[in-house]
């Protein structure tokens, strides 16, 4: 459900894996928010460059 990439927990002990997954977010949604924020910041930077 949380769509955490397996490589983030690969090689960790079962206890640590459960702790990490239990305290995590829905990975795909979090990644989408990060992309949106990054795109907005890049757009602002381009706007500032054009205005200058």
N, C-alpha and C. Protein backbone atom coordinates (compact mmCIF):
# COMPACT_ATOMS: atom_id res chain seq x y z
N UNK A 1 0.81 -1.20 0.00
CA UNK A 1 0.00 0.00 0.00
C UNK A 1 0.86 1.26 0.00
N UNK A 2 1.93 1.25 0.75
CA UNK A 2 2.76 2.45 0.84
C UNK A 2 3.72 2.60 -0.33
N UNK A 3 3.85 1.59 -1.14
CA UNK A 3 4.66 1.61 -2.37
C UNK A 3 6.12 1.99 -2.13
N UNK A 4 6.68 1.56 -1.02
CA UNK A 4 8.08 1.84 -0.71
C UNK A 4 8.96 0.96 -1.60
N UNK A 5 9.96 1.56 -2.27
CA UNK A 5 10.86 0.74 -3.08
C UNK A 5 11.59 -0.29 -2.21
N UNK A 6 11.66 -1.51 -2.70
CA UNK A 6 12.27 -2.60 -1.93
C UNK A 6 13.72 -2.32 -1.58
N UNK A 7 14.43 -1.60 -2.44
CA UNK A 7 15.85 -1.35 -2.17
C UNK A 7 16.07 -0.48 -0.94
N UNK A 8 15.05 0.22 -0.46
CA UNK A 8 15.20 1.01 0.75
C UNK A 8 15.24 0.17 2.01
N UNK A 9 14.67 -1.02 1.97
CA UNK A 9 14.67 -1.89 3.16
C UNK A 9 15.51 -3.14 2.96
N UNK A 10 16.01 -3.34 1.76
CA UNK A 10 16.82 -4.53 1.46
C UNK A 10 18.08 -4.54 2.33
N UNK A 11 18.31 -5.64 2.99
CA UNK A 11 19.51 -5.79 3.81
C UNK A 11 19.34 -5.32 5.25
N UNK A 12 18.21 -4.71 5.57
CA UNK A 12 17.97 -4.29 6.95
C UNK A 12 17.39 -5.45 7.74
N UNK A 13 17.57 -5.39 9.04
CA UNK A 13 16.97 -6.43 9.87
C UNK A 13 15.44 -6.30 9.79
N UNK A 14 14.76 -7.37 10.16
CA UNK A 14 13.29 -7.36 10.10
C UNK A 14 12.72 -6.26 11.00
N UNK A 15 13.32 -6.09 12.17
CA UNK A 15 12.84 -5.07 13.11
C UNK A 15 12.99 -3.67 12.53
N UNK A 16 14.17 -3.37 12.01
CA UNK A 16 14.42 -2.05 11.44
C UNK A 16 13.54 -1.83 10.21
N UNK A 17 13.36 -2.85 9.40
CA UNK A 17 12.50 -2.75 8.22
C UNK A 17 11.07 -2.39 8.63
N UNK A 18 10.56 -3.07 9.65
CA UNK A 18 9.20 -2.79 10.13
C UNK A 18 9.09 -1.38 10.70
N UNK A 19 10.12 -0.94 11.41
CA UNK A 19 10.11 0.43 11.95
C UNK A 19 10.09 1.44 10.82
N UNK A 20 10.93 1.25 9.83
CA UNK A 20 11.01 2.16 8.69
C UNK A 20 9.69 2.20 7.94
N UNK A 21 9.13 1.05 7.64
CA UNK A 21 7.88 0.99 6.90
C UNK A 21 6.71 1.51 7.72
N UNK A 22 6.75 1.30 9.02
CA UNK A 22 5.68 1.76 9.89
C UNK A 22 5.64 3.26 10.04
N UNK A 23 6.78 3.92 9.87
CA UNK A 23 6.86 5.37 10.03
C UNK A 23 6.94 6.09 8.68
N UNK A 24 6.67 5.38 7.62
CA UNK A 24 6.83 5.96 6.29
C UNK A 24 5.54 6.57 5.78
N UNK A 25 5.65 7.19 4.63
CA UNK A 25 4.51 7.80 3.94
C UNK A 25 4.19 6.97 2.71
N UNK A 26 3.11 7.31 2.02
CA UNK A 26 2.83 6.67 0.74
C UNK A 26 3.84 7.23 -0.25
N UNK A 27 4.81 6.39 -0.63
CA UNK A 27 5.98 6.84 -1.38
C UNK A 27 5.62 7.55 -2.67
N UNK A 28 4.71 6.99 -3.45
CA UNK A 28 4.39 7.59 -4.76
C UNK A 28 3.76 8.97 -4.58
N UNK A 29 2.91 9.14 -3.58
CA UNK A 29 2.31 10.45 -3.33
C UNK A 29 3.37 11.45 -2.87
N UNK A 30 4.26 11.01 -1.99
CA UNK A 30 5.31 11.89 -1.49
C UNK A 30 6.25 12.31 -2.62
N UNK A 31 6.58 11.37 -3.51
CA UNK A 31 7.43 11.69 -4.66
C UNK A 31 6.73 12.68 -5.59
N UNK A 32 5.43 12.51 -5.79
CA UNK A 32 4.68 13.43 -6.65
C UNK A 32 4.68 14.85 -6.07
N UNK A 33 4.52 14.96 -4.76
CA UNK A 33 4.57 16.28 -4.12
C UNK A 33 5.95 16.90 -4.29
N UNK A 34 6.99 16.10 -4.12
CA UNK A 34 8.36 16.60 -4.31
C UNK A 34 8.60 17.09 -5.73
N UNK A 35 8.09 16.35 -6.70
CA UNK A 35 8.23 16.78 -8.10
C UNK A 35 7.49 18.09 -8.35
N UNK A 36 6.28 18.21 -7.81
CA UNK A 36 5.49 19.42 -7.98
C UNK A 36 6.21 20.63 -7.38
N UNK A 37 6.72 20.47 -6.18
CA UNK A 37 7.47 21.57 -5.54
C UNK A 37 8.70 21.92 -6.38
N UNK A 38 9.43 20.90 -6.84
CA UNK A 38 10.60 21.16 -7.67
C UNK A 38 10.25 21.87 -8.97
N UNK A 39 9.17 21.44 -9.61
CA UNK A 39 8.74 22.10 -10.85
C UNK A 39 8.33 23.55 -10.61
N UNK A 40 7.64 23.80 -9.51
CA UNK A 40 7.25 25.18 -9.17
C UNK A 40 8.47 26.05 -8.92
N UNK A 41 9.44 25.53 -8.19
CA UNK A 41 10.66 26.29 -7.93
C UNK A 41 11.43 26.56 -9.21
N UNK A 42 11.51 25.57 -10.10
CA UNK A 42 12.20 25.77 -11.38
C UNK A 42 11.47 26.81 -12.22
N UNK A 43 10.15 26.79 -12.18
CA UNK A 43 9.36 27.77 -12.93
C UNK A 43 9.60 29.18 -12.39
N UNK A 44 9.64 29.32 -11.07
CA UNK A 44 9.93 30.62 -10.47
C UNK A 44 11.32 31.12 -10.85
N UNK A 45 12.27 30.21 -10.86
CA UNK A 45 13.63 30.59 -11.22
C UNK A 45 13.68 31.08 -12.67
N UNK A 46 12.98 30.36 -13.57
CA UNK A 46 12.94 30.78 -14.97
C UNK A 46 12.25 32.13 -15.11
N UNK A 47 11.19 32.36 -14.35
CA UNK A 47 10.47 33.64 -14.40
C UNK A 47 11.38 34.78 -13.94
N UNK A 48 12.14 34.53 -12.88
CA UNK A 48 13.08 35.56 -12.38
C UNK A 48 14.15 35.85 -13.42
N UNK A 49 14.64 34.83 -14.11
CA UNK A 49 15.68 35.02 -15.12
C UNK A 49 15.15 35.83 -16.29
N UNK A 50 13.90 35.59 -16.66
CA UNK A 50 13.28 36.32 -17.79
C UNK A 50 13.05 37.78 -17.40
N UNK A 51 12.63 38.01 -16.16
CA UNK A 51 12.32 39.37 -15.70
C UNK A 51 13.59 40.20 -15.51
N UNK A 52 14.71 39.55 -15.30
CA UNK A 52 15.95 40.30 -15.01
C UNK A 52 16.59 40.88 -16.21
